[in-house]
C-alpha atoms as a PDB file:
ATOM      1  CA  MET A   1      -0.900  17.057  43.610  1.00  0.00           C
ATOM      2  CA  ALA A   2      -4.221  18.564  44.721  1.00  0.00           C
ATOM      3  CA  ARG A   3      -6.077  15.812  42.877  1.00  0.00           C
ATOM      4  CA  ALA A   4      -4.328  13.032  44.841  1.00  0.00           C
ATOM      5  CA  SER A   5      -5.129  14.634  48.193  1.00  0.00           C
ATOM      6  CA  SER A   6      -8.799  15.152  47.249  1.00  0.00           C
ATOM      7  CA  THR A   7      -9.034  11.481  46.211  1.00  0.00           C
ATOM      8  CA  THR A   8      -7.510  10.434  49.520  1.00  0.00           C
ATOM      9  CA  GLU A   9      -9.891  12.669  51.439  1.00  0.00           C
ATOM     10  CA  LEU A  10     -12.846  11.228  49.531  1.00  0.00           C
ATOM     11  CA  ALA A  11     -11.686   7.666  50.266  1.00  0.00           C
ATOM     12  CA  GLU A  12     -11.303   8.502  53.954  1.00  0.00           C
ATOM     13  CA  LYS A  13     -14.806  10.007  54.095  1.00  0.00           C
ATOM     14  CA  ILE A  14     -16.304   6.953  52.397  1.00  0.00           C
ATOM     15  CA  ALA A  15     -14.457   4.619  54.767  1.00  0.00           C
ATOM     16  CA  TRP A  16     -15.663   6.621  57.773  1.00  0.00           C
ATOM     17  CA  HIS A  17     -19.282   6.533  56.566  1.00  0.00           C
ATOM     18  CA  CYS A  18     -19.077   2.770  55.930  1.00  0.00           C
ATOM     19  CA  ALA A  19     -17.679   2.209  59.429  1.00  0.00           C
ATOM     20  CA  LEU A  20     -20.444   4.360  60.919  1.00  0.00           C
ATOM     21  CA  PHE A  21     -23.097   2.455  58.953  1.00  0.00           C
ATOM     22  CA  MET A  22     -21.713  -0.913  60.118  1.00  0.00           C
ATOM     23  CA  ALA A  23     -21.648   0.276  63.747  1.00  0.00           C
ATOM     24  CA  ILE A  24     -25.283   1.399  63.527  1.00  0.00           C
ATOM     25  CA  MET A  25     -26.322  -1.921  61.973  1.00  0.00           C
ATOM     26  CA  LEU A  26     -24.527  -3.814  64.745  1.00  0.00           C
ATOM     27  CA  VAL A  27     -26.260  -1.797  67.449  1.00  0.00           C
ATOM     28  CA  LEU A  28     -29.660  -2.244  65.814  1.00  0.00           C
ATOM     29  CA  SER A  29     -29.204  -6.011  65.482  1.00  0.00           C
ATOM     30  CA  CYS A  30     -28.320  -6.278  69.173  1.00  0.00           C
ATOM     31  CA  CYS A  31     -31.410  -4.291  70.169  1.00  0.00           C
ATOM     32  CA  GLU A  32     -33.770  -6.487  68.184  1.00  0.00           C
ATOM     33  CA  SER A  33     -36.595  -7.860  70.309  1.00  0.00           C
ATOM     34  CA  SER A  34     -36.520 -11.556  71.135  1.00  0.00           C
ATOM     35  CA  ASP A  35     -39.970 -12.187  69.649  1.00  0.00           C
ATOM     36  CA  GLY A  36     -39.189 -10.496  66.358  1.00  0.00           C
ATOM     37  CA  GLY A  37     -37.622 -13.430  64.594  1.00  0.00           C
ATOM     38  CA  GLY A  38     -34.270 -15.120  64.633  1.00  0.00           C
ATOM     39  CA  PHE A  39     -30.691 -13.967  64.497  1.00  0.00           C
ATOM     40  CA  MET A  40     -30.050 -11.060  62.108  1.00  0.00           C
ATOM     41  CA  GLY A  41     -33.530 -11.122  60.595  1.00  0.00           C
ATOM     42  CA  GLN A  42     -33.880 -14.870  60.052  1.00  0.00           C
ATOM     43  CA  VAL A  43     -37.478 -15.977  59.974  1.00  0.00           C
ATOM     44  CA  THR A  44     -38.226 -18.714  62.486  1.00  0.00           C
ATOM     45  CA  GLN A  45     -41.408 -20.677  62.797  1.00  0.00           C
ATOM     46  CA  PRO A  46     -42.775 -21.047  66.306  1.00  0.00           C
ATOM     47  CA  ARG A  47     -43.362 -24.608  67.410  1.00  0.00           C
ATOM     48  CA  ASN A  48     -47.022 -24.722  68.245  1.00  0.00           C
ATOM     49  CA  VAL A  49     -48.207 -28.236  69.012  1.00  0.00           C
ATOM     50  CA  ASN A  50     -51.860 -27.367  68.430  1.00  0.00           C
ATOM     51  CA  LYS A  51     -51.230 -26.002  64.937  1.00  0.00           C
ATOM     52  CA  PRO A  52     -52.324 -28.430  62.218  1.00  0.00           C
ATOM     53  CA  CYS A  53     -49.499 -29.682  60.036  1.00  0.00           C
ATOM     54  CA  ASP A  54     -49.211 -28.893  56.355  1.00  0.00           C
ATOM     55  CA  GLU A  55     -49.660 -31.682  53.826  1.00  0.00           C
ATOM     56  CA  ILE A  56     -45.929 -31.563  53.085  1.00  0.00           C
ATOM     57  CA  TYR A  57     -43.845 -31.777  56.265  1.00  0.00           C
ATOM     58  CA  VAL A  58     -40.083 -31.371  56.673  1.00  0.00           C
ATOM     59  CA  VAL A  59     -38.626 -33.349  59.578  1.00  0.00           C
ATOM     60  CA  ARG A  60     -36.736 -31.253  62.142  1.00  0.00           C
ATOM     61  CA  GLU A  61     -33.851 -32.227  64.360  1.00  0.00           C
ATOM     62  CA  GLY A  62     -34.866 -34.503  67.239  1.00  0.00           C
ATOM     63  CA  GLU A  63     -38.170 -35.584  65.713  1.00  0.00           C
ATOM     64  CA  THR A  64     -39.260 -39.170  65.174  1.00  0.00           C
ATOM     65  CA  LEU A  65     -42.155 -40.566  63.175  1.00  0.00           C
ATOM     66  CA  HIS A  66     -43.929 -41.192  66.464  1.00  0.00           C
ATOM     67  CA  THR A  67     -43.644 -37.562  67.617  1.00  0.00           C
ATOM     68  CA  ILE A  68     -44.649 -36.279  64.177  1.00  0.00           C
ATOM     69  CA  SER A  69     -47.615 -38.661  64.146  1.00  0.00           C
ATOM     70  CA  GLU A  70     -48.785 -37.366  67.532  1.00  0.00           C
ATOM     71  CA  LYS A  71     -48.199 -33.741  66.595  1.00  0.00           C
ATOM     72  CA  CYS A  72     -49.948 -33.915  63.223  1.00  0.00           C
ATOM     73  CA  GLY A  73     -52.608 -36.528  63.948  1.00  0.00           C
ATOM     74  CA  ASP A  74     -51.502 -38.924  61.202  1.00  0.00           C
ATOM     75  CA  PRO A  75     -51.045 -42.513  62.421  1.00  0.00           C
ATOM     76  CA  TYR A  76     -50.338 -43.760  58.868  1.00  0.00           C
ATOM     77  CA  ILE A  77     -47.182 -41.814  57.975  1.00  0.00           C
ATOM     78  CA  VAL A  78     -45.187 -44.887  56.878  1.00  0.00           C
ATOM     79  CA  GLU A  79     -47.997 -46.184  54.665  1.00  0.00           C
ATOM     80  CA  GLN A  80     -48.410 -42.771  52.991  1.00  0.00           C
ATOM     81  CA  ASN A  81     -44.653 -42.385  52.303  1.00  0.00           C
ATOM     82  CA  PRO A  82     -43.212 -45.340  50.360  1.00  0.00           C
ATOM     83  CA  HIS A  83     -39.756 -43.700  50.323  1.00  0.00           C
ATOM     84  CA  ILE A  84     -39.448 -44.409  54.077  1.00  0.00           C
ATOM     85  CA  ASN A  85     -38.004 -47.927  54.136  1.00  0.00           C
ATOM     86  CA  ASP A  86     -37.101 -47.980  57.833  1.00  0.00           C
ATOM     87  CA  PRO A  87     -39.243 -46.001  60.308  1.00  0.00           C
ATOM     88  CA  ASP A  88     -36.184 -45.612  62.559  1.00  0.00           C
ATOM     89  CA  ASP A  89     -34.185 -43.988  59.735  1.00  0.00           C
ATOM     90  CA  VAL A  90     -35.712 -40.509  59.919  1.00  0.00           C
ATOM     91  CA  PHE A  91     -33.387 -37.520  59.621  1.00  0.00           C
ATOM     92  CA  PRO A  92     -33.701 -33.716  59.618  1.00  0.00           C
ATOM     93  CA  GLY A  93     -34.692 -32.422  56.198  1.00  0.00           C
ATOM     94  CA  LEU A  94     -36.633 -35.541  55.190  1.00  0.00           C
ATOM     95  CA  VAL A  95     -39.814 -34.523  53.350  1.00  0.00           C
ATOM     96  CA  ILE A  96     -42.914 -36.537  54.176  1.00  0.00           C
ATOM     97  CA  LYS A  97     -46.594 -36.396  53.251  1.00  0.00           C
ATOM     98  CA  ILE A  98     -49.008 -35.810  56.118  1.00  0.00           C
ATOM     99  CA  THR A  99     -52.711 -36.648  56.009  1.00  0.00           C
ATOM    100  CA  PRO A 100     -54.258 -35.757  59.354  1.00  0.00           C
ATOM    101  CA  PHE A 101     -56.666 -38.395  60.645  1.00  0.00           C
ATOM    102  CA  LYS A 102     -59.349 -35.738  61.172  1.00  0.00           C
ATOM    103  CA  ASN A 103     -59.482 -35.007  57.422  1.00  0.00           C
ATOM    104  CA  ARG A 104     -59.962 -38.621  56.305  1.00  0.00           C
END
């Protein structure tokens, strides 16, 4: 009988420590600074218009080929990407090749 009560006590201690750990993690995630990344440690990339674009660009929500062209300095996006059949059919997640005009 003593063995069953010690197992129960051990389980209760483990449950209490897990609850304490979860509470601490919740408090720490709420106290995270606003400039330290995204929600719960997600890494977010700041949108800096002056930053040159990478050669491979992933379209984000709300972007058009025109806005990407202005942002990245590439007026020939459609010509460089034969998989874009309709310039109006651009969607988030679409991968395109960027060649900034300055580098040509």
